[in-house]
Every structure is written in structure tokens, then in C-alpha cells.
PDB file of N, CA and C in Angstrom:
ATOM      1  N   MET A   1       0.520  -0.951  -0.062  1.00  0.00           N
ATOM      2  CA  MET A   1       0.425  -0.064   0.073  1.00  0.00           C
ATOM      3  C   MET A   1       0.982   1.312  -0.025  1.00  0.00           C
ATOM      4  N   ASN A   2       0.746   2.148  -0.756  1.00  0.00           N
ATOM      5  CA  ASN A   2       1.113   3.425  -0.670  1.00  0.00           C
ATOM      6  C   ASN A   2       0.924   4.631  -0.369  1.00  0.00           C
ATOM      7  N   ILE A   3       0.914   5.821  -0.390  1.00  0.00           N
ATOM      8  CA  ILE A   3       0.831   6.311   0.711  1.00  0.00           C
ATOM      9  C   ILE A   3      -0.805   6.990  -0.222  1.00  0.00           C
ATOM     10  N   GLU A   4      -1.004   6.971  -1.546  1.00  0.00           N
ATOM     11  CA  GLU A   4      -2.158   7.814  -1.552  1.00  0.00           C
ATOM     12  C   GLU A   4      -3.344   6.785  -1.712  1.00  0.00           C
ATOM     13  N   GLU A   5      -2.614   5.208  -2.337  1.00  0.00           N
ATOM     14  CA  GLU A   5      -3.741   4.699  -1.308  1.00  0.00           C
ATOM     15  C   GLU A   5      -4.541   4.344   0.231  1.00  0.00           C
ATOM     16  N   PHE A   6      -3.353   4.514   0.270  1.00  0.00           N
ATOM     17  CA  PHE A   6      -3.764   5.379   2.427  1.00  0.00           C
ATOM     18  C   PHE A   6      -4.685   5.896   2.519  1.00  0.00           C
ATOM     19  N   ARG A   7      -4.074   7.157   1.739  1.00  0.00           N
ATOM     20  CA  ARG A   7      -5.508   8.183   1.735  1.00  0.00           C
ATOM     21  C   ARG A   7      -6.675   8.209   1.519  1.00  0.00           C
ATOM     22  N   GLU A   8      -6.660   7.367   0.054  1.00  0.00           N
ATOM     23  CA  GLU A   8      -8.243   6.742  -0.215  1.00  0.00           C
ATOM     24  C   GLU A   8      -8.659   5.826   0.792  1.00  0.00           C
ATOM     25  N   TYR A   9      -7.920   5.380   1.793  1.00  0.00           N
ATOM     26  CA  TYR A   9      -8.462   4.253   2.015  1.00  0.00           C
ATOM     27  C   TYR A   9      -9.267   5.145   3.412  1.00  0.00           C
ATOM     28  N   CYS A  10      -8.766   5.914   4.228  1.00  0.00           N
ATOM     29  CA  CYS A  10      -9.017   6.439   5.164  1.00  0.00           C
ATOM     30  C   CYS A  10      -9.842   7.648   4.574  1.00  0.00           C
ATOM     31  N   LEU A  11     -10.467   7.823   3.389  1.00  0.00           N
ATOM     32  CA  LEU A  11     -11.139   9.133   3.283  1.00  0.00           C
ATOM     33  C   LEU A  11     -12.491   7.856   2.979  1.00  0.00           C
ATOM     34  N   SER A  12     -12.270   6.826   2.981  1.00  0.00           N
ATOM     35  CA  SER A  12     -13.801   6.230   2.258  1.00  0.00           C
ATOM     36  C   SER A  12     -14.308   6.077   3.131  1.00  0.00           C
ATOM     37  N   PHE A  13     -13.572   6.032   4.859  1.00  0.00           N
ATOM     38  CA  PHE A  13     -14.784   5.981   6.075  1.00  0.00           C
ATOM     39  C   PHE A  13     -16.047   7.009   6.151  1.00  0.00           C
ATOM     40  N   LYS A  14     -17.217   6.695   6.932  1.00  0.00           N
ATOM     41  CA  LYS A  14     -18.168   7.749   6.523  1.00  0.00           C
ATOM     42  C   LYS A  14     -17.553   9.031   7.855  1.00  0.00           C
ATOM     43  N   GLY A  15     -17.808  10.348   7.467  1.00  0.00           N
ATOM     44  CA  GLY A  15     -17.390  11.377   8.503  1.00  0.00           C
ATOM     45  C   GLY A  15     -15.863  11.627   8.340  1.00  0.00           C
ATOM     46  N   VAL A  16     -15.725  11.056   7.154  1.00  0.00           N
ATOM     47  CA  VAL A  16     -13.677  11.684   7.425  1.00  0.00           C
ATOM     48  C   VAL A  16     -13.437  12.716   6.368  1.00  0.00           C
ATOM     49  N   HIS A  17     -12.275  13.173   6.698  1.00  0.00           N
ATOM     50  CA  HIS A  17     -11.841  14.438   5.809  1.00  0.00           C
ATOM     51  C   HIS A  17     -10.898  14.756   6.904  1.00  0.00           C
ATOM     52  N   GLU A  18      -9.651  15.432   5.398  1.00  0.00           N
ATOM     53  CA  GLU A  18      -8.434  15.632   6.042  1.00  0.00           C
ATOM     54  C   GLU A  18      -8.348  17.141   5.752  1.00  0.00           C
ATOM     55  N   LYS A  19      -6.927  17.363   6.575  1.00  0.00           N
ATOM     56  CA  LYS A  19      -6.506  18.905   6.762  1.00  0.00           C
ATOM     57  C   LYS A  19      -5.401  18.964   7.096  1.00  0.00           C
ATOM     58  N   MET A  20      -4.803  20.285   6.503  1.00  0.00           N
ATOM     59  CA  MET A  20      -3.379  20.341   7.137  1.00  0.00           C
ATOM     60  C   MET A  20      -3.458  21.154   8.208  1.00  0.00           C
ATOM     61  N   PRO A  21      -3.622  20.878   9.891  1.00  0.00           N
ATOM     62  CA  PRO A  21      -3.589  22.205  10.565  1.00  0.00           C
ATOM     63  C   PRO A  21      -2.704  22.961  10.966  1.00  0.00           C
ATOM     64  N   PHE A  22      -1.865  22.601  10.010  1.00  0.00           N
ATOM     65  CA  PHE A  22      -0.498  23.896  10.794  1.00  0.00           C
ATOM     66  C   PHE A  22      -0.181  24.549   9.738  1.00  0.00           C
ATOM     67  N   PRO A  23      -0.453  25.626   8.908  1.00  0.00           N
ATOM     68  CA  PRO A  23      -0.486  26.176   7.605  1.00  0.00           C
ATOM     69  C   PRO A  23       0.666  27.013   8.277  1.00  0.00           C
ATOM     70  N   ASN A  24       0.178  27.958   9.305  1.00  0.00           N
ATOM     71  CA  ASN A  24       1.274  29.032   9.421  1.00  0.00           C
ATOM     72  C   ASN A  24       2.373  29.208  10.264  1.00  0.00           C
ATOM     73  N   VAL A  25       2.836  27.746  10.786  1.00  0.00           N
ATOM     74  CA  VAL A  25       3.900  28.247  11.362  1.00  0.00           C
ATOM     75  C   VAL A  25       5.501  27.589  11.029  1.00  0.00           C
ATOM     76  N   PRO A  26       6.504  28.685  11.408  1.00  0.00           N
ATOM     77  CA  PRO A  26       6.915  28.615  11.165  1.00  0.00           C
ATOM     78  C   PRO A  26       8.232  27.388  10.043  1.00  0.00           C
ATOM     79  N   ASP A  27       8.400  26.097  11.256  1.00  0.00           N
ATOM     80  CA  ASP A  27       8.587  25.423  10.734  1.00  0.00           C
ATOM     81  C   ASP A  27       8.056  24.184   8.897  1.00  0.00           C
ATOM     82  N   LYS A  28       8.996  24.707   8.590  1.00  0.00           N
ATOM     83  CA  LYS A  28       8.522  23.863   6.801  1.00  0.00           C
ATOM     84  C   LYS A  28       7.726  22.317   7.013  1.00  0.00           C
ATOM     85  N   TYR A  29       8.180  21.640   7.951  1.00  0.00           N
ATOM     86  CA  TYR A  29       7.738  20.163   8.074  1.00  0.00           C
ATOM     87  C   TYR A  29       6.201  20.070   8.790  1.00  0.00           C
ATOM     88  N   SER A  30       6.152  21.274   9.637  1.00  0.00           N
ATOM     89  CA  SER A  30       5.121  20.908  10.197  1.00  0.00           C
ATOM     90  C   SER A  30       3.882  22.224   9.834  1.00  0.00           C
ATOM     91  N   ARG A  31       4.097  22.326   8.308  1.00  0.00           N
ATOM     92  CA  ARG A  31       3.817  23.131   7.210  1.00  0.00           C
ATOM     93  C   ARG A  31       2.292  21.638   6.725  1.00  0.00           C
ATOM     94  N   ASP A  32       3.797  20.605   6.157  1.00  0.00           N
ATOM     95  CA  ASP A  32       3.162  19.612   5.172  1.00  0.00           C
ATOM     96  C   ASP A  32       2.506  18.253   6.158  1.00  0.00           C
ATOM     97  N   VAL A  33       2.487  18.343   7.572  1.00  0.00           N
ATOM     98  CA  VAL A  33       1.270  17.612   7.904  1.00  0.00           C
ATOM     99  C   VAL A  33       0.086  17.392   7.793  1.00  0.00           C
ATOM    100  N   LEU A  34      -0.367  15.388   7.508  1.00  0.00           N
ATOM    101  CA  LEU A  34      -1.998  16.087   6.644  1.00  0.00           C
ATOM    102  C   LEU A  34      -2.539  14.931   8.282  1.00  0.00           C
ATOM    103  N   CYS A  35      -3.831  15.447   8.252  1.00  0.00           N
ATOM    104  CA  CYS A  35      -4.547  15.117   9.694  1.00  0.00           C
ATOM    105  C   CYS A  35      -6.044  14.707   8.747  1.00  0.00           C
ATOM    106  N   PHE A  36      -6.158  13.362   9.255  1.00  0.00           N
ATOM    107  CA  PHE A  36      -7.792  13.125   9.064  1.00  0.00           C
ATOM    108  C   PHE A  36      -8.558  13.112   9.919  1.00  0.00           C
ATOM    109  N   TYR A  37      -9.485  13.767  10.244  1.00  0.00           N
ATOM    110  CA  TYR A  37     -10.753  13.902  11.338  1.00  0.00           C
ATOM    111  C   TYR A  37     -11.847  12.435  11.194  1.00  0.00           C
ATOM    112  N   VAL A  38     -12.348  12.558  12.165  1.00  0.00           N
ATOM    113  CA  VAL A  38     -13.414  10.860  12.252  1.00  0.00           C
ATOM    114  C   VAL A  38     -14.439  12.243  12.905  1.00  0.00           C
ATOM    115  N   ALA A  39     -15.728  12.349  12.571  1.00  0.00           N
ATOM    116  CA  ALA A  39     -16.737  13.712  12.859  1.00  0.00           C
ATOM    117  C   ALA A  39     -15.332  14.492  13.196  1.00  0.00           C
ATOM    118  N   ASP A  40     -15.424  15.405  12.952  1.00  0.00           N
ATOM    119  CA  ASP A  40     -14.478  16.527  13.083  1.00  0.00           C
ATOM    120  C   ASP A  40     -13.618  16.521  14.647  1.00  0.00           C
ATOM    121  N   LYS A  41     -13.316  15.634  15.259  1.00  0.00           N
ATOM    122  CA  LYS A  41     -12.208  14.999  15.911  1.00  0.00           C
ATOM    123  C   LYS A  41     -10.883  14.808  15.856  1.00  0.00           C
TER     124      LYS A  41
END
């Protein structure tokens, strides 16, 4: 399973959405963090 397959798998569940929660931090690596939220949690 590659990263795109994993992303599609996670998004296939009901109530799941993705978000990049740290767009404005100075650390460039933290800006690239992608999180999956289930039921807004």
C-alpha cells in the first residue's frame, strides 16, 4: 500500500475529512502535516 492508497482508504470511511492543521508555523516540516479527522475530532 502506498501513501495515495492509504489516503483513499482513510477517506472512504463515513465522516472522515483531511486537513493540514498547521499552515502558518515557521517550521517547514510541520506545514506539511496532513491529518485525518473523524466526526470533526
